[in-house]
N, C-alpha and C. Protein backbone atom coordinates (compact mmCIF):
# COMPACT_ATOMS: atom_id res chain seq x y z
N MET A 1 12.91 10.17 6.97
CA MET A 1 13.22 10.61 5.64
C MET A 1 12.07 11.49 5.12
N HIS A 2 12.38 12.68 4.70
CA HIS A 2 11.38 13.61 4.18
C HIS A 2 10.25 13.86 5.17
N GLY A 3 10.54 13.69 6.47
CA GLY A 3 9.52 13.91 7.49
C GLY A 3 8.48 12.82 7.57
N ILE A 4 8.78 11.67 7.00
CA ILE A 4 7.83 10.55 6.99
C ILE A 4 8.44 9.40 7.79
N ASN A 5 7.76 8.97 8.82
CA ASN A 5 8.21 7.80 9.58
C ASN A 5 7.73 6.55 8.87
N THR A 6 8.62 5.58 8.74
CA THR A 6 8.27 4.36 8.02
C THR A 6 8.60 3.11 8.82
N VAL A 7 7.85 2.06 8.54
CA VAL A 7 8.17 0.72 9.02
C VAL A 7 8.13 -0.19 7.80
N PHE A 8 8.97 -1.20 7.80
CA PHE A 8 9.08 -2.10 6.66
C PHE A 8 8.81 -3.53 7.09
N ALA A 9 8.22 -4.28 6.19
CA ALA A 9 8.00 -5.71 6.42
C ALA A 9 8.63 -6.48 5.27
N ASP A 10 9.19 -7.63 5.58
CA ASP A 10 9.83 -8.46 4.55
C ASP A 10 8.84 -9.32 3.79
N ASN A 11 7.64 -9.50 4.35
CA ASN A 11 6.65 -10.33 3.69
C ASN A 11 5.25 -9.93 4.19
N GLY A 12 4.24 -10.54 3.62
CA GLY A 12 2.87 -10.19 3.94
C GLY A 12 2.47 -10.48 5.38
N GLN A 13 2.88 -11.63 5.89
CA GLN A 13 2.53 -11.97 7.28
C GLN A 13 3.13 -10.96 8.25
N ASP A 14 4.40 -10.60 8.03
CA ASP A 14 5.03 -9.59 8.88
C ASP A 14 4.31 -8.25 8.75
N GLY A 15 3.91 -7.92 7.54
CA GLY A 15 3.19 -6.67 7.31
C GLY A 15 1.88 -6.63 8.07
N LEU A 16 1.14 -7.72 8.05
CA LEU A 16 -0.13 -7.77 8.79
C LEU A 16 0.11 -7.68 10.30
N ARG A 17 1.19 -8.33 10.77
CA ARG A 17 1.51 -8.22 12.21
C ARG A 17 1.89 -6.79 12.57
N MET A 18 2.67 -6.15 11.72
CA MET A 18 3.06 -4.76 11.98
C MET A 18 1.84 -3.84 11.97
N LEU A 19 0.93 -4.12 11.08
CA LEU A 19 -0.29 -3.32 10.99
C LEU A 19 -1.09 -3.41 12.29
N ALA A 20 -1.12 -4.59 12.87
CA ALA A 20 -1.85 -4.78 14.13
C ALA A 20 -1.14 -4.14 15.31
N ALA A 21 0.18 -4.00 15.22
CA ALA A 21 0.96 -3.53 16.37
C ALA A 21 1.36 -2.06 16.29
N ASN A 22 1.08 -1.38 15.19
CA ASN A 22 1.51 0.00 14.99
C ASN A 22 0.34 0.87 14.55
N ASP A 23 0.51 2.15 14.75
CA ASP A 23 -0.45 3.13 14.26
C ASP A 23 -0.02 3.50 12.84
N ILE A 24 -0.62 2.88 11.85
CA ILE A 24 -0.22 3.03 10.45
C ILE A 24 -1.16 4.01 9.75
N ASP A 25 -0.59 4.97 9.02
CA ASP A 25 -1.39 5.97 8.32
C ASP A 25 -1.53 5.70 6.84
N LEU A 26 -0.66 4.85 6.27
CA LEU A 26 -0.68 4.58 4.84
C LEU A 26 0.07 3.28 4.60
N ILE A 27 -0.41 2.50 3.66
CA ILE A 27 0.23 1.22 3.32
C ILE A 27 0.69 1.26 1.87
N ILE A 28 1.94 0.89 1.65
CA ILE A 28 2.47 0.68 0.30
C ILE A 28 2.83 -0.80 0.23
N CYS A 29 2.25 -1.49 -0.73
CA CYS A 29 2.40 -2.96 -0.79
C CYS A 29 2.66 -3.40 -2.22
N ASP A 30 3.59 -4.31 -2.37
CA ASP A 30 3.81 -4.93 -3.67
C ASP A 30 2.67 -5.90 -3.94
N PHE A 31 2.43 -6.20 -5.19
CA PHE A 31 1.37 -7.16 -5.52
C PHE A 31 1.86 -8.59 -5.33
N MET A 32 3.14 -8.82 -5.62
CA MET A 32 3.70 -10.17 -5.50
C MET A 32 4.65 -10.20 -4.31
N LEU A 33 4.25 -10.90 -3.27
CA LEU A 33 5.06 -11.05 -2.07
C LEU A 33 5.49 -12.50 -1.93
N PRO A 34 6.51 -12.78 -1.13
CA PRO A 34 6.99 -14.16 -1.04
C PRO A 34 6.00 -15.14 -0.40
N ASP A 35 5.08 -14.63 0.43
CA ASP A 35 4.20 -15.55 1.14
C ASP A 35 2.71 -15.35 0.85
N ILE A 36 2.29 -14.13 0.65
CA ILE A 36 0.88 -13.81 0.41
C ILE A 36 0.83 -12.79 -0.72
N ASN A 37 -0.07 -12.96 -1.65
CA ASN A 37 -0.22 -11.95 -2.70
C ASN A 37 -0.81 -10.68 -2.11
N GLY A 38 -0.46 -9.56 -2.71
CA GLY A 38 -0.91 -8.27 -2.24
C GLY A 38 -2.43 -8.14 -2.21
N ASP A 39 -3.13 -8.84 -3.11
CA ASP A 39 -4.59 -8.76 -3.09
C ASP A 39 -5.17 -9.31 -1.79
N LYS A 40 -4.51 -10.31 -1.23
CA LYS A 40 -4.98 -10.87 0.06
C LYS A 40 -4.67 -9.90 1.21
N ILE A 41 -3.55 -9.20 1.12
CA ILE A 41 -3.23 -8.18 2.12
C ILE A 41 -4.28 -7.07 2.05
N LEU A 42 -4.56 -6.61 0.84
CA LEU A 42 -5.55 -5.56 0.66
C LEU A 42 -6.91 -6.00 1.19
N SER A 43 -7.30 -7.21 0.90
CA SER A 43 -8.58 -7.72 1.40
C SER A 43 -8.61 -7.73 2.92
N ALA A 44 -7.52 -8.18 3.55
CA ALA A 44 -7.46 -8.21 5.01
C ALA A 44 -7.56 -6.80 5.59
N VAL A 45 -6.92 -5.85 4.94
CA VAL A 45 -6.94 -4.46 5.40
C VAL A 45 -8.36 -3.89 5.26
N LYS A 46 -8.97 -4.07 4.10
CA LYS A 46 -10.26 -3.45 3.82
C LYS A 46 -11.43 -4.10 4.55
N THR A 47 -11.29 -5.36 4.95
CA THR A 47 -12.39 -6.02 5.67
C THR A 47 -12.31 -5.84 7.18
N ASN A 48 -11.23 -5.27 7.66
CA ASN A 48 -11.08 -5.00 9.09
C ASN A 48 -11.54 -3.57 9.35
N PRO A 49 -12.59 -3.37 10.17
CA PRO A 49 -13.09 -2.01 10.40
C PRO A 49 -12.03 -1.06 10.97
N ILE A 50 -11.05 -1.59 11.66
CA ILE A 50 -10.01 -0.75 12.26
C ILE A 50 -9.04 -0.22 11.20
N THR A 51 -8.81 -0.99 10.15
CA THR A 51 -7.82 -0.60 9.14
C THR A 51 -8.44 -0.22 7.79
N ALA A 52 -9.73 -0.37 7.65
CA ALA A 52 -10.39 -0.21 6.35
C ALA A 52 -10.19 1.15 5.71
N THR A 53 -9.99 2.18 6.51
CA THR A 53 -9.86 3.53 5.93
C THR A 53 -8.41 3.95 5.69
N ILE A 54 -7.45 3.07 5.99
CA ILE A 54 -6.05 3.39 5.73
C ILE A 54 -5.81 3.41 4.22
N PRO A 55 -5.27 4.50 3.69
CA PRO A 55 -4.97 4.52 2.25
C PRO A 55 -4.00 3.38 1.89
N PHE A 56 -4.27 2.74 0.77
CA PHE A 56 -3.52 1.56 0.34
C PHE A 56 -3.01 1.80 -1.08
N ILE A 57 -1.71 1.71 -1.26
CA ILE A 57 -1.09 1.92 -2.56
C ILE A 57 -0.36 0.64 -2.98
N PHE A 58 -0.70 0.14 -4.16
CA PHE A 58 0.08 -0.94 -4.73
C PHE A 58 1.28 -0.33 -5.44
N LEU A 59 2.44 -0.94 -5.25
CA LEU A 59 3.67 -0.56 -5.94
C LEU A 59 4.19 -1.85 -6.57
N SER A 60 4.02 -2.00 -7.87
CA SER A 60 4.22 -3.31 -8.48
C SER A 60 4.86 -3.25 -9.85
N ALA A 61 5.56 -4.33 -10.18
CA ALA A 61 6.12 -4.48 -11.53
C ALA A 61 5.05 -4.95 -12.52
N PHE A 62 3.92 -5.45 -12.01
CA PHE A 62 2.81 -5.81 -12.90
C PHE A 62 2.21 -4.52 -13.42
N ALA A 63 2.49 -4.21 -14.69
CA ALA A 63 2.22 -2.87 -15.19
C ALA A 63 1.23 -2.81 -16.34
N ASP A 64 0.61 -3.92 -16.73
CA ASP A 64 -0.34 -3.76 -17.83
C ASP A 64 -1.68 -3.28 -17.28
N ALA A 65 -2.51 -2.80 -18.17
CA ALA A 65 -3.78 -2.17 -17.78
C ALA A 65 -4.65 -3.12 -16.96
N ASP A 66 -4.66 -4.41 -17.30
CA ASP A 66 -5.47 -5.37 -16.54
C ASP A 66 -5.01 -5.47 -15.09
N ASP A 67 -3.70 -5.49 -14.88
CA ASP A 67 -3.17 -5.56 -13.52
C ASP A 67 -3.54 -4.31 -12.72
N ILE A 68 -3.38 -3.17 -13.34
CA ILE A 68 -3.69 -1.91 -12.67
C ILE A 68 -5.18 -1.85 -12.34
N ASN A 69 -6.02 -2.18 -13.31
CA ASN A 69 -7.47 -2.17 -13.07
C ASN A 69 -7.86 -3.15 -11.97
N LYS A 70 -7.24 -4.33 -11.96
CA LYS A 70 -7.54 -5.32 -10.92
C LYS A 70 -7.22 -4.74 -9.55
N GLY A 71 -6.03 -4.14 -9.40
CA GLY A 71 -5.64 -3.57 -8.12
C GLY A 71 -6.62 -2.50 -7.65
N LEU A 72 -7.03 -1.64 -8.57
CA LEU A 72 -7.96 -0.57 -8.20
C LEU A 72 -9.36 -1.12 -7.92
N GLU A 73 -9.78 -2.11 -8.69
CA GLU A 73 -11.09 -2.72 -8.45
C GLU A 73 -11.14 -3.44 -7.10
N LEU A 74 -10.01 -3.96 -6.67
CA LEU A 74 -9.94 -4.63 -5.37
C LEU A 74 -10.02 -3.64 -4.21
N GLY A 75 -9.83 -2.35 -4.51
CA GLY A 75 -9.97 -1.35 -3.47
C GLY A 75 -8.73 -0.52 -3.18
N ALA A 76 -7.66 -0.74 -3.92
CA ALA A 76 -6.47 0.09 -3.71
C ALA A 76 -6.79 1.54 -4.06
N ASP A 77 -6.20 2.46 -3.33
CA ASP A 77 -6.41 3.88 -3.60
C ASP A 77 -5.59 4.34 -4.79
N LEU A 78 -4.49 3.66 -5.02
CA LEU A 78 -3.59 4.04 -6.11
C LEU A 78 -2.75 2.83 -6.49
N TYR A 79 -2.30 2.81 -7.74
CA TYR A 79 -1.46 1.72 -8.24
C TYR A 79 -0.30 2.37 -8.98
N ILE A 80 0.89 2.22 -8.43
CA ILE A 80 2.09 2.79 -9.04
C ILE A 80 2.91 1.63 -9.60
N THR A 81 3.40 1.80 -10.83
CA THR A 81 4.16 0.74 -11.46
C THR A 81 5.65 0.97 -11.33
N LYS A 82 6.39 -0.14 -11.28
CA LYS A 82 7.85 -0.10 -11.27
C LYS A 82 8.33 -0.11 -12.72
N PRO A 83 9.39 0.52 -13.04
CA PRO A 83 10.18 1.37 -12.14
C PRO A 83 9.44 2.67 -11.86
N PHE A 84 9.75 3.26 -10.72
CA PHE A 84 9.12 4.50 -10.31
C PHE A 84 10.20 5.46 -9.87
N SER A 85 9.86 6.73 -9.80
CA SER A 85 10.85 7.69 -9.30
C SER A 85 10.56 7.96 -7.83
N ALA A 86 11.62 8.05 -7.05
CA ALA A 86 11.47 8.33 -5.62
C ALA A 86 10.75 9.65 -5.38
N PRO A 87 11.07 10.73 -6.10
CA PRO A 87 10.34 11.98 -5.86
C PRO A 87 8.84 11.84 -6.11
N HIS A 88 8.46 11.08 -7.14
CA HIS A 88 7.04 10.87 -7.40
C HIS A 88 6.38 10.13 -6.24
N LEU A 89 7.01 9.07 -5.78
CA LEU A 89 6.45 8.30 -4.67
C LEU A 89 6.33 9.16 -3.41
N ILE A 90 7.34 9.93 -3.11
CA ILE A 90 7.31 10.81 -1.94
C ILE A 90 6.17 11.82 -2.06
N ASN A 91 6.00 12.40 -3.24
CA ASN A 91 4.90 13.35 -3.45
C ASN A 91 3.54 12.69 -3.26
N VAL A 92 3.39 11.48 -3.78
CA VAL A 92 2.13 10.74 -3.63
C VAL A 92 1.86 10.47 -2.15
N VAL A 93 2.86 10.01 -1.44
CA VAL A 93 2.70 9.72 -0.01
C VAL A 93 2.31 10.98 0.74
N LYS A 94 3.01 12.07 0.49
CA LYS A 94 2.67 13.32 1.18
C LYS A 94 1.26 13.78 0.86
N GLU A 95 0.85 13.61 -0.39
CA GLU A 95 -0.51 13.98 -0.78
C GLU A 95 -1.54 13.13 -0.05
N LYS A 96 -1.30 11.83 0.03
CA LYS A 96 -2.25 10.93 0.71
C LYS A 96 -2.30 11.18 2.21
N LEU A 97 -1.18 11.65 2.78
CA LEU A 97 -1.13 11.88 4.23
C LEU A 97 -1.55 13.30 4.61
N ALA A 98 -1.71 14.18 3.63
CA ALA A 98 -2.08 15.57 3.92
C ALA A 98 -3.48 15.63 4.52
N PRO A 99 -3.65 16.48 5.52
CA PRO A 99 -4.99 16.62 6.09
C PRO A 99 -5.97 17.17 5.08
N VAL A 100 -7.20 16.70 5.15
CA VAL A 100 -8.24 17.19 4.25
C VAL A 100 -8.73 18.53 4.77
N ALA A 101 -8.74 19.51 3.88
CA ALA A 101 -9.15 20.87 4.31
C ALA A 101 -10.65 21.03 4.26
């Protein structure tokens, strides 16, 4: 879709397994997952030297300023709130995946 290959996980544990088994260029993660909160996923990503530089975007219904600041302070590259527009998300993903000139 839009020239972007994607993989999806139903929960945090599956997401971490997919991360270990695939060449992932960008992570979009909800803050509230059925098994692990997104902050723990972000921590696992950022503390692993192999995955630490992968751009990480929170996509969450938690939309007040404290939630957004918490996500960014934890190390997320971006925090997008729900509801969101698909064109906006696609543009953000393309921007994050664009090679640095």
